[in-house]
């Protein structure tokens, strides 16, 4: 994405962490906890969240303690959100930006 020519603001939440409010906003934008949950994380597996994700509030609290429960990267373009590496979605945004 950096070489696409798009203007991006990068937030390294792995270093800075996130607030519960921010996590809840990401979940709301994505439509569900399942959409943003890193199902490969040990905590997600141990708690059975892979099959039955937690409530947004419980997830937000867990992410504040362990930010790697969120899938990465997260790209927000206004009301649209892309979770995880999605080359076709990135290409579509880059194409729209060139118009």
PDB file of N, CA and C in Angstrom:
ATOM      1  N   UNK A   1       0.822  -1.190   0.000  1.00  0.00           N
ATOM      2  CA  UNK A   1       0.000   0.000   0.000  1.00  0.00           C
ATOM      3  C   UNK A   1       0.866   1.253   0.000  1.00  0.00           C
ATOM      4  N   UNK A   2       2.012   1.178   0.596  1.00  0.00           N
ATOM      5  CA  UNK A   2       2.869   2.370   0.656  1.00  0.00           C
ATOM      6  C   UNK A   2       3.268   2.839  -0.734  1.00  0.00           C
ATOM      7  N   UNK A   3       3.446   1.924  -1.663  1.00  0.00           N
ATOM      8  CA  UNK A   3       3.874   2.297  -3.008  1.00  0.00           C
ATOM      9  C   UNK A   3       2.700   2.620  -3.931  1.00  0.00           C
ATOM     10  N   UNK A   4       1.483   2.616  -3.406  1.00  0.00           N
ATOM     11  CA  UNK A   4       0.302   2.846  -4.237  1.00  0.00           C
ATOM     12  C   UNK A   4       0.066   4.311  -4.563  1.00  0.00           C
ATOM     13  N   UNK A   5       0.733   5.199  -3.848  1.00  0.00           N
ATOM     14  CA  UNK A   5       0.494   6.618  -4.051  1.00  0.00           C
ATOM     15  C   UNK A   5      -0.634   7.159  -3.192  1.00  0.00           C
ATOM     16  N   UNK A   6      -1.265   6.293  -2.421  1.00  0.00           N
ATOM     17  CA  UNK A   6      -2.340   6.730  -1.531  1.00  0.00           C
ATOM     18  C   UNK A   6      -1.756   7.435  -0.315  1.00  0.00           C
ATOM     19  N   UNK A   7      -2.498   8.393   0.190  1.00  0.00           N
ATOM     20  CA  UNK A   7      -2.104   9.057   1.421  1.00  0.00           C
ATOM     21  C   UNK A   7      -2.603   8.216   2.575  1.00  0.00           C
ATOM     22  N   UNK A   8      -1.684   7.697   3.375  1.00  0.00           N
ATOM     23  CA  UNK A   8      -2.051   6.813   4.472  1.00  0.00           C
ATOM     24  C   UNK A   8      -1.517   7.346   5.789  1.00  0.00           C
ATOM     25  N   UNK A   9      -2.270   7.111   6.827  1.00  0.00           N
ATOM     26  CA  UNK A   9      -1.786   7.378   8.176  1.00  0.00           C
ATOM     27  C   UNK A   9      -1.604   6.019   8.827  1.00  0.00           C
ATOM     28  N   UNK A  10      -0.395   5.722   9.224  1.00  0.00           N
ATOM     29  CA  UNK A  10      -0.105   4.418   9.800  1.00  0.00           C
ATOM     30  C   UNK A  10      -0.092   4.512  11.319  1.00  0.00           C
ATOM     31  N   UNK A  11      -0.768   3.574  11.955  1.00  0.00           N
ATOM     32  CA  UNK A  11      -0.778   3.488  13.412  1.00  0.00           C
ATOM     33  C   UNK A  11      -0.237   2.117  13.778  1.00  0.00           C
ATOM     34  N   UNK A  12       0.883   2.092  14.461  1.00  0.00           N
ATOM     35  CA  UNK A  12       1.467   0.823  14.897  1.00  0.00           C
ATOM     36  C   UNK A  12       0.884   0.469  16.261  1.00  0.00           C
ATOM     37  N   UNK A  13      -0.333  -0.078  16.249  1.00  0.00           N
ATOM     38  CA  UNK A  13      -1.004  -0.351  17.512  1.00  0.00           C
ATOM     39  C   UNK A  13      -0.363  -1.503  18.267  1.00  0.00           C
ATOM     40  N   UNK A  14       0.541  -2.218  17.619  1.00  0.00           N
ATOM     41  CA  UNK A  14       1.307  -3.242  18.319  1.00  0.00           C
ATOM     42  C   UNK A  14       2.221  -2.607  19.363  1.00  0.00           C
ATOM     43  N   UNK A  15       2.641  -1.374  19.106  1.00  0.00           N
ATOM     44  CA  UNK A  15       3.507  -0.659  20.043  1.00  0.00           C
ATOM     45  C   UNK A  15       2.723   0.290  20.946  1.00  0.00           C
ATOM     46  N   UNK A  16       1.694   0.930  20.386  1.00  0.00           N
ATOM     47  CA  UNK A  16       0.975   1.954  21.142  1.00  0.00           C
ATOM     48  C   UNK A  16      -0.229   1.419  21.900  1.00  0.00           C
ATOM     49  N   UNK A  17      -0.731   0.257  21.491  1.00  0.00           N
ATOM     50  CA  UNK A  17      -1.941  -0.288  22.091  1.00  0.00           C
ATOM     51  C   UNK A  17      -3.183   0.424  21.570  1.00  0.00           C
ATOM     52  N   UNK A  18      -4.336  -0.022  22.003  1.00  0.00           N
ATOM     53  CA  UNK A  18      -5.605   0.568  21.597  1.00  0.00           C
ATOM     54  C   UNK A  18      -6.509   0.685  22.816  1.00  0.00           C
ATOM     55  N   UNK A  19      -7.416   1.635  22.760  1.00  0.00           N
ATOM     56  CA  UNK A  19      -8.406   1.754  23.821  1.00  0.00           C
ATOM     57  C   UNK A  19      -9.571   0.830  23.514  1.00  0.00           C
ATOM     58  N   UNK A  20     -10.339   0.515  24.539  1.00  0.00           N
ATOM     59  CA  UNK A  20     -11.529  -0.314  24.348  1.00  0.00           C
ATOM     60  C   UNK A  20     -12.499   0.367  23.383  1.00  0.00           C
ATOM     61  N   UNK A  21     -12.610   1.684  23.467  1.00  0.00           N
ATOM     62  CA  UNK A  21     -13.508   2.431  22.584  1.00  0.00           C
ATOM     63  C   UNK A  21     -13.090   2.279  21.120  1.00  0.00           C
ATOM     64  N   UNK A  22     -11.794   2.322  20.872  1.00  0.00           N
ATOM     65  CA  UNK A  22     -11.292   2.154  19.500  1.00  0.00           C
ATOM     66  C   UNK A  22     -11.591   0.754  18.990  1.00  0.00           C
ATOM     67  N   UNK A  23     -11.383  -0.245  19.831  1.00  0.00           N
ATOM     68  CA  UNK A  23     -11.662  -1.631  19.438  1.00  0.00           C
ATOM     69  C   UNK A  23     -13.149  -1.803  19.137  1.00  0.00           C
ATOM     70  N   UNK A  24     -14.008  -1.239  19.976  1.00  0.00           N
ATOM     71  CA  UNK A  24     -15.448  -1.329  19.736  1.00  0.00           C
ATOM     72  C   UNK A  24     -15.827  -0.651  18.423  1.00  0.00           C
ATOM     73  N   UNK A  25     -15.192   0.465  18.103  1.00  0.00           N
ATOM     74  CA  UNK A  25     -15.461   1.151  16.837  1.00  0.00           C
ATOM     75  C   UNK A  25     -15.016   0.298  15.648  1.00  0.00           C
ATOM     76  N   UNK A  26     -13.873  -0.384  15.764  1.00  0.00           N
ATOM     77  CA  UNK A  26     -13.401  -1.271  14.696  1.00  0.00           C
ATOM     78  C   UNK A  26     -14.363  -2.437  14.497  1.00  0.00           C
ATOM     79  N   UNK A  27     -14.813  -3.015  15.598  1.00  0.00           N
ATOM     80  CA  UNK A  27     -15.761  -4.135  15.516  1.00  0.00           C
ATOM     81  C   UNK A  27     -17.049  -3.664  14.842  1.00  0.00           C
ATOM     82  N   UNK A  28     -17.538  -2.500  15.223  1.00  0.00           N
ATOM     83  CA  UNK A  28     -18.776  -1.966  14.632  1.00  0.00           C
ATOM     84  C   UNK A  28     -18.599  -1.726  13.139  1.00  0.00           C
ATOM     85  N   UNK A  29     -17.468  -1.154  12.744  1.00  0.00           N
ATOM     86  CA  UNK A  29     -17.205  -0.882  11.322  1.00  0.00           C
ATOM     87  C   UNK A  29     -17.087  -2.178  10.520  1.00  0.00           C
ATOM     88  N   UNK A  30     -16.458  -3.189  11.134  1.00  0.00           N
ATOM     89  CA  UNK A  30     -16.252  -4.473  10.458  1.00  0.00           C
ATOM     90  C   UNK A  30     -17.513  -5.326  10.449  1.00  0.00           C
ATOM     91  N   UNK A  31     -18.430  -5.058  11.377  1.00  0.00           N
ATOM     92  CA  UNK A  31     -19.684  -5.795  11.408  1.00  0.00           C
ATOM     93  C   UNK A  31     -19.766  -6.907  12.433  1.00  0.00           C
ATOM     94  N   UNK A  32     -18.630  -7.331  12.963  1.00  0.00           N
ATOM     95  CA  UNK A  32     -18.651  -8.400  13.967  1.00  0.00           C
ATOM     96  C   UNK A  32     -17.267  -8.593  14.565  1.00  0.00           C
ATOM     97  N   UNK A  33     -17.244  -9.237  15.720  1.00  0.00           N
ATOM     98  CA  UNK A  33     -15.977  -9.609  16.337  1.00  0.00           C
ATOM     99  C   UNK A  33     -15.262 -10.625  15.448  1.00  0.00           C
ATOM    100  N   UNK A  34     -16.004 -11.551  14.879  1.00  0.00           N
ATOM    101  CA  UNK A  34     -15.400 -12.592  14.030  1.00  0.00           C
ATOM    102  C   UNK A  34     -14.600 -11.987  12.877  1.00  0.00           C
ATOM    103  N   UNK A  35     -15.018 -10.841  12.372  1.00  0.00           N
ATOM    104  CA  UNK A  35     -14.339 -10.209  11.241  1.00  0.00           C
ATOM    105  C   UNK A  35     -12.959  -9.671  11.606  1.00  0.00           C
ATOM    106  N   UNK A  36     -12.742  -9.337  12.876  1.00  0.00           N
ATOM    107  CA  UNK A  36     -11.470  -8.754  13.287  1.00  0.00           C
ATOM    108  C   UNK A  36     -10.634  -9.661  14.182  1.00  0.00           C
ATOM    109  N   UNK A  37     -11.184 -10.785  14.580  1.00  0.00           N
ATOM    110  CA  UNK A  37     -10.513 -11.703  15.504  1.00  0.00           C
ATOM    111  C   UNK A  37      -9.394 -12.474  14.813  1.00  0.00           C
ATOM    112  N   UNK A  38      -8.225 -12.454  15.432  1.00  0.00           N
ATOM    113  CA  UNK A  38      -7.093 -13.251  14.970  1.00  0.00           C
ATOM    114  C   UNK A  38      -7.291 -14.668  15.503  1.00  0.00           C
ATOM    115  N   UNK A  39      -7.829 -15.528  14.663  1.00  0.00           N
ATOM    116  CA  UNK A  39      -8.181 -16.885  15.096  1.00  0.00           C
ATOM    117  C   UNK A  39      -6.960 -17.774  15.320  1.00  0.00           C
ATOM    118  N   UNK A  40      -5.782 -17.294  14.938  1.00  0.00           N
ATOM    119  CA  UNK A  40      -4.566 -18.082  15.165  1.00  0.00           C
ATOM    120  C   UNK A  40      -3.931 -17.785  16.520  1.00  0.00           C
ATOM    121  N   UNK A  41      -4.457 -16.797  17.227  1.00  0.00           N
ATOM    122  CA  UNK A  41      -3.893 -16.431  18.530  1.00  0.00           C
ATOM    123  C   UNK A  41      -4.258 -17.494  19.570  1.00  0.00           C
ATOM    124  N   UNK A  42      -3.312 -17.796  20.440  1.00  0.00           N
ATOM    125  CA  UNK A  42      -3.508 -18.834  21.463  1.00  0.00           C
ATOM    126  C   UNK A  42      -4.705 -18.535  22.371  1.00  0.00           C
ATOM    127  N   UNK A  43      -4.905 -17.283  22.730  1.00  0.00           N
ATOM    128  CA  UNK A  43      -6.030 -16.916  23.594  1.00  0.00           C
ATOM    129  C   UNK A  43      -7.356 -17.183  22.901  1.00  0.00           C
ATOM    130  N   UNK A  44      -7.437 -16.869  21.620  1.00  0.00           N
ATOM    131  CA  UNK A  44      -8.669 -17.118  20.865  1.00  0.00           C
ATOM    132  C   UNK A  44      -8.966 -18.615  20.823  1.00  0.00           C
ATOM    133  N   UNK A  45      -7.943 -19.408  20.617  1.00  0.00           N
ATOM    134  CA  UNK A  45      -8.123 -20.864  20.578  1.00  0.00           C
ATOM    135  C   UNK A  45      -8.497 -21.408  21.956  1.00  0.00           C
ATOM    136  N   UNK A  46      -7.781 -20.971  22.986  1.00  0.00           N
ATOM    137  CA  UNK A  46      -8.008 -21.483  24.342  1.00  0.00           C
ATOM    138  C   UNK A  46      -9.408 -21.151  24.856  1.00  0.00           C
ATOM    139  N   UNK A  47      -9.929 -20.002  24.460  1.00  0.00           N
ATOM    140  CA  UNK A  47     -11.253 -19.581  24.926  1.00  0.00           C
ATOM    141  C   UNK A  47     -12.391 -20.043  24.026  1.00  0.00           C
ATOM    142  N   UNK A  48     -12.065 -20.780  22.970  1.00  0.00           N
ATOM    143  CA  UNK A  48     -13.103 -21.264  22.066  1.00  0.00           C
ATOM    144  C   UNK A  48     -13.694 -20.175  21.182  1.00  0.00           C
ATOM    145  N   UNK A  49     -12.989 -19.059  21.055  1.00  0.00           N
ATOM    146  CA  UNK A  49     -13.491 -17.929  20.281  1.00  0.00           C
ATOM    147  C   UNK A  49     -13.453 -18.160  18.780  1.00  0.00           C
ATOM    148  N   UNK A  50     -12.688 -19.129  18.336  1.00  0.00           N
ATOM    149  CA  UNK A  50     -12.626 -19.423  16.906  1.00  0.00           C
ATOM    150  C   UNK A  50     -14.009 -19.856  16.422  1.00  0.00           C
ATOM    151  N   UNK A  51     -14.675 -20.694  17.216  1.00  0.00           N
ATOM    152  CA  UNK A  51     -16.009 -21.180  16.855  1.00  0.00           C
ATOM    153  C   UNK A  51     -17.129 -20.269  17.351  1.00  0.00           C
ATOM    154  N   UNK A  52     -16.910 -19.634  18.495  1.00  0.00           N
ATOM    155  CA  UNK A  52     -17.938 -18.763  19.082  1.00  0.00           C
ATOM    156  C   UNK A  52     -17.262 -17.517  19.638  1.00  0.00           C
ATOM    157  N   UNK A  53     -17.138 -16.466  18.795  1.00  0.00           N
ATOM    158  CA  UNK A  53     -16.470 -15.239  19.242  1.00  0.00           C
ATOM    159  C   UNK A  53     -17.163 -14.618  20.459  1.00  0.00           C
ATOM    160  N   UNK A  54     -16.400 -13.889  21.263  1.00  0.00           N
ATOM    161  CA  UNK A  54     -16.967 -13.253  22.452  1.00  0.00           C
ATOM    162  C   UNK A  54     -17.820 -12.036  22.073  1.00  0.00           C
ATOM    163  N   UNK A  55     -18.441 -11.455  23.067  1.00  0.00           N
ATOM    164  CA  UNK A  55     -19.185 -10.215  22.846  1.00  0.00           C
ATOM    165  C   UNK A  55     -18.187  -9.111  22.493  1.00  0.00           C
ATOM    166  N   UNK A  56     -18.641  -8.058  21.831  1.00  0.00           N
ATOM    167  CA  UNK A  56     -17.732  -6.944  21.528  1.00  0.00           C
ATOM    168  C   UNK A  56     -17.065  -6.368  22.781  1.00  0.00           C
ATOM    169  N   UNK A  57     -17.799  -6.230  23.882  1.00  0.00           N
ATOM    170  CA  UNK A  57     -17.226  -5.674  25.111  1.00  0.00           C
ATOM    171  C   UNK A  57     -16.131  -6.573  25.676  1.00  0.00           C
ATOM    172  N   UNK A  58     -16.389  -7.885  25.693  1.00  0.00           N
ATOM    173  CA  UNK A  58     -15.385  -8.830  26.197  1.00  0.00           C
ATOM    174  C   UNK A  58     -14.153  -8.830  25.296  1.00  0.00           C
ATOM    175  N   UNK A  59     -14.386  -8.779  24.000  1.00  0.00           N
ATOM    176  CA  UNK A  59     -13.276  -8.750  23.039  1.00  0.00           C
ATOM    177  C   UNK A  59     -12.456  -7.474  23.203  1.00  0.00           C
ATOM    178  N   UNK A  60     -13.121  -6.340  23.336  1.00  0.00           N
ATOM    179  CA  UNK A  60     -12.416  -5.067  23.490  1.00  0.00           C
ATOM    180  C   UNK A  60     -11.519  -5.098  24.724  1.00  0.00           C
ATOM    181  N   UNK A  61     -12.037  -5.620  25.814  1.00  0.00           N
ATOM    182  CA  UNK A  61     -11.250  -5.729  27.047  1.00  0.00           C
ATOM    183  C   UNK A  61     -10.027  -6.625  26.827  1.00  0.00           C
ATOM    184  N   UNK A  62     -10.214  -7.729  26.115  1.00  0.00           N
ATOM    185  CA  UNK A  62      -9.109  -8.658  25.846  1.00  0.00           C
ATOM    186  C   UNK A  62      -8.061  -8.019  24.935  1.00  0.00           C
ATOM    187  N   UNK A  63      -8.499  -7.240  23.944  1.00  0.00           N
ATOM    188  CA  UNK A  63      -7.563  -6.601  23.012  1.00  0.00           C
ATOM    189  C   UNK A  63      -6.747  -5.519  23.715  1.00  0.00           C
ATOM    190  N   UNK A  64      -7.349  -4.816  24.646  1.00  0.00           N
ATOM    191  CA  UNK A  64      -6.593  -3.815  25.406  1.00  0.00           C
ATOM    192  C   UNK A  64      -5.420  -4.498  26.114  1.00  0.00           C
ATOM    193  N   UNK A  65      -5.634  -5.697  26.613  1.00  0.00           N
ATOM    194  CA  UNK A  65      -4.579  -6.456  27.296  1.00  0.00           C
ATOM    195  C   UNK A  65      -3.634  -7.138  26.315  1.00  0.00           C
ATOM    196  N   UNK A  66      -4.149  -7.558  25.152  1.00  0.00           N
ATOM    197  CA  UNK A  66      -3.345  -8.299  24.159  1.00  0.00           C
ATOM    198  C   UNK A  66      -3.774  -7.894  22.750  1.00  0.00           C
ATOM    199  N   UNK A  67      -3.095  -6.896  22.211  1.00  0.00           N
ATOM    200  CA  UNK A  67      -3.484  -6.308  20.922  1.00  0.00           C
ATOM    201  C   UNK A  67      -3.375  -7.295  19.755  1.00  0.00           C
ATOM    202  N   UNK A  68      -2.580  -8.335  19.916  1.00  0.00           N
ATOM    203  CA  UNK A  68      -2.428  -9.304  18.827  1.00  0.00           C
ATOM    204  C   UNK A  68      -3.659 -10.182  18.614  1.00  0.00           C
ATOM    205  N   UNK A  69      -4.697  -9.977  19.397  1.00  0.00           N
ATOM    206  CA  UNK A  69      -5.967 -10.659  19.141  1.00  0.00           C
ATOM    207  C   UNK A  69      -6.670 -10.080  17.911  1.00  0.00           C
ATOM    208  N   UNK A  70      -6.225  -8.911  17.465  1.00  0.00           N
ATOM    209  CA  UNK A  70      -6.772  -8.299  16.245  1.00  0.00           C
ATOM    210  C   UNK A  70      -6.021  -8.803  15.027  1.00  0.00           C
ATOM    211  N   UNK A  71      -6.763  -9.101  13.959  1.00  0.00           N
ATOM    212  CA  UNK A  71      -6.120  -9.434  12.687  1.00  0.00           C
ATOM    213  C   UNK A  71      -5.440  -8.182  12.172  1.00  0.00           C
ATOM    214  N   UNK A  72      -4.381  -8.367  11.382  1.00  0.00           N
ATOM    215  CA  UNK A  72      -3.661  -7.230  10.802  1.00  0.00           C
ATOM    216  C   UNK A  72      -3.406  -7.473   9.343  1.00  0.00           C
ATOM    217  N   UNK A  73      -3.180  -6.469   8.583  1.00  0.00           N
ATOM    218  CA  UNK A  73      -3.370  -5.061   8.911  1.00  0.00           C
ATOM    219  C   UNK A  73      -4.846  -4.684   8.858  1.00  0.00           C
ATOM    220  N   UNK A  74      -5.140  -3.507   9.360  1.00  0.00           N
ATOM    221  CA  UNK A  74      -6.488  -2.944   9.292  1.00  0.00           C
ATOM    222  C   UNK A  74      -6.373  -1.660   8.493  1.00  0.00           C
ATOM    223  N   UNK A  75      -7.141  -1.577   7.428  1.00  0.00           N
ATOM    224  CA  UNK A  75      -7.139  -0.383   6.584  1.00  0.00           C
ATOM    225  C   UNK A  75      -8.540   0.206   6.604  1.00  0.00           C
ATOM    226  N   UNK A  76      -8.629   1.466   7.001  1.00  0.00           N
ATOM    227  CA  UNK A  76      -9.917   2.148   7.066  1.00  0.00           C
ATOM    228  C   UNK A  76      -9.927   3.247   6.022  1.00  0.00           C
ATOM    229  N   UNK A  77     -10.949   3.219   5.194  1.00  0.00           N
ATOM    230  CA  UNK A  77     -11.147   4.232   4.160  1.00  0.00           C
ATOM    231  C   UNK A  77     -12.558   4.784   4.335  1.00  0.00           C
ATOM    232  N   UNK A  78     -12.681   5.794   5.178  1.00  0.00           N
ATOM    233  CA  UNK A  78     -14.004   6.335   5.473  1.00  0.00           C
ATOM    234  C   UNK A  78     -14.843   5.301   6.192  1.00  0.00           C
ATOM    235  N   UNK A  79     -15.980   4.953   5.604  1.00  0.00           N
ATOM    236  CA  UNK A  79     -16.878   3.965   6.214  1.00  0.00           C
ATOM    237  C   UNK A  79     -16.455   2.537   5.897  1.00  0.00           C
ATOM    238  N   UNK A  80     -15.536   2.363   4.963  1.00  0.00           N
ATOM    239  CA  UNK A  80     -15.113   1.029   4.539  1.00  0.00           C
ATOM    240  C   UNK A  80     -13.895   0.582   5.352  1.00  0.00           C
ATOM    241  N   UNK A  81     -13.867  -0.700   5.689  1.00  0.00           N
ATOM    242  CA  UNK A  81     -12.749  -1.258   6.445  1.00  0.00           C
ATOM    243  C   UNK A  81     -12.301  -2.557   5.785  1.00  0.00           C
ATOM    244  N   UNK A  82     -10.994  -2.740   5.709  1.00  0.00           N
ATOM    245  CA  UNK A  82     -10.415  -3.975   5.171  1.00  0.00           C
ATOM    246  C   UNK A  82      -9.576  -4.578   6.292  1.00  0.00           C
ATOM    247  N   UNK A  83      -9.878  -5.813   6.620  1.00  0.00           N
ATOM    248  CA  UNK A  83      -9.187  -6.509   7.708  1.00  0.00           C
ATOM    249  C   UNK A  83      -8.322  -7.611   7.103  1.00  0.00           C
ATOM    250  N   UNK A  84      -7.053  -7.663   7.502  1.00  0.00           N
ATOM    251  CA  UNK A  84      -6.151  -8.684   6.996  1.00  0.00           C
ATOM    252  C   UNK A  84      -5.649  -8.335   5.604  1.00  0.00           C
ATOM    253  N   UNK A  85      -4.690  -9.093   5.138  1.00  0.00           N
ATOM    254  CA  UNK A  85      -4.100  -8.826   3.830  1.00  0.00           C
ATOM    255  C   UNK A  85      -5.088  -9.240   2.741  1.00  0.00           C
ATOM    256  N   UNK A  86      -5.540  -8.267   1.961  1.00  0.00           N
ATOM    257  CA  UNK A  86      -6.543  -8.502   0.921  1.00  0.00           C
ATOM    258  C   UNK A  86      -6.134  -7.733  -0.339  1.00  0.00           C
ATOM    259  N   UNK A  87      -5.296  -8.350  -1.143  1.00  0.00           N
ATOM    260  CA  UNK A  87      -4.744  -7.694  -2.334  1.00  0.00           C
ATOM    261  C   UNK A  87      -5.826  -7.130  -3.260  1.00  0.00           C
ATOM    262  N   UNK A  88      -6.902  -7.881  -3.587  1.00  0.00           N
ATOM    263  CA  UNK A  88      -7.936  -7.316  -4.470  1.00  0.00           C
ATOM    264  C   UNK A  88      -8.611  -6.066  -3.883  1.00  0.00           C
ATOM    265  N   UNK A  89      -8.865  -6.068  -2.587  1.00  0.00           N
ATOM    266  CA  UNK A  89      -9.494  -4.901  -1.952  1.00  0.00           C
ATOM    267  C   UNK A  89      -8.553  -3.706  -1.984  1.00  0.00           C
ATOM    268  N   UNK A  90      -7.255  -3.932  -1.752  1.00  0.00           N
ATOM    269  CA  UNK A  90      -6.282  -2.845  -1.810  1.00  0.00           C
ATOM    270  C   UNK A  90      -6.202  -2.287  -3.227  1.00  0.00           C
ATOM    271  N   UNK A  91      -6.216  -3.166  -4.213  1.00  0.00           N
ATOM    272  CA  UNK A  91      -6.149  -2.732  -5.607  1.00  0.00           C
ATOM    273  C   UNK A  91      -7.363  -1.886  -5.974  1.00  0.00           C
ATOM    274  N   UNK A  92      -8.525  -2.279  -5.471  1.00  0.00           N
ATOM    275  CA  UNK A  92      -9.755  -1.517  -5.763  1.00  0.00           C
ATOM    276  C   UNK A  92      -9.667  -0.115  -5.170  1.00  0.00           C
ATOM    277  N   UNK A  93      -9.156   0.009  -3.969  1.00  0.00           N
ATOM    278  CA  UNK A  93      -9.009   1.333  -3.352  1.00  0.00           C
ATOM    279  C   UNK A  93      -8.000   2.170  -4.123  1.00  0.00           C
ATOM    280  N   UNK A  94      -6.879   1.566  -4.490  1.00  0.00           N
ATOM    281  CA  UNK A  94      -5.860   2.288  -5.234  1.00  0.00           C
ATOM    282  C   UNK A  94      -6.399   2.758  -6.576  1.00  0.00           C
ATOM    283  N   UNK A  95      -7.196   1.914  -7.221  1.00  0.00           N
ATOM    284  CA  UNK A  95      -7.793   2.271  -8.515  1.00  0.00           C
ATOM    285  C   UNK A  95      -8.747   3.460  -8.357  1.00  0.00           C
ATOM    286  N   UNK A  96      -9.554   3.449  -7.320  1.00  0.00           N
ATOM    287  CA  UNK A  96     -10.488   4.552  -7.066  1.00  0.00           C
ATOM    288  C   UNK A  96      -9.739   5.852  -6.773  1.00  0.00           C
ATOM    289  N   UNK A  97      -8.611   5.746  -6.060  1.00  0.00           N
ATOM    290  CA  UNK A  97      -7.850   6.927  -5.697  1.00  0.00           C
ATOM    291  C   UNK A  97      -7.206   7.593  -6.912  1.00  0.00           C
ATOM    292  N   UNK A  98      -6.939   6.818  -7.951  1.00  0.00           N
ATOM    293  CA  UNK A  98      -6.302   7.364  -9.153  1.00  0.00           C
ATOM    294  C   UNK A  98      -7.279   8.113 -10.045  1.00  0.00           C
ATOM    295  N   UNK A  99      -8.581   7.933  -9.814  1.00  0.00           N
ATOM    296  CA  UNK A  99      -9.579   8.596 -10.651  1.00  0.00           C
ATOM    297  C   UNK A  99      -9.684  10.055 -10.333  1.00  0.00           C
TER     298      UNK A  99
END
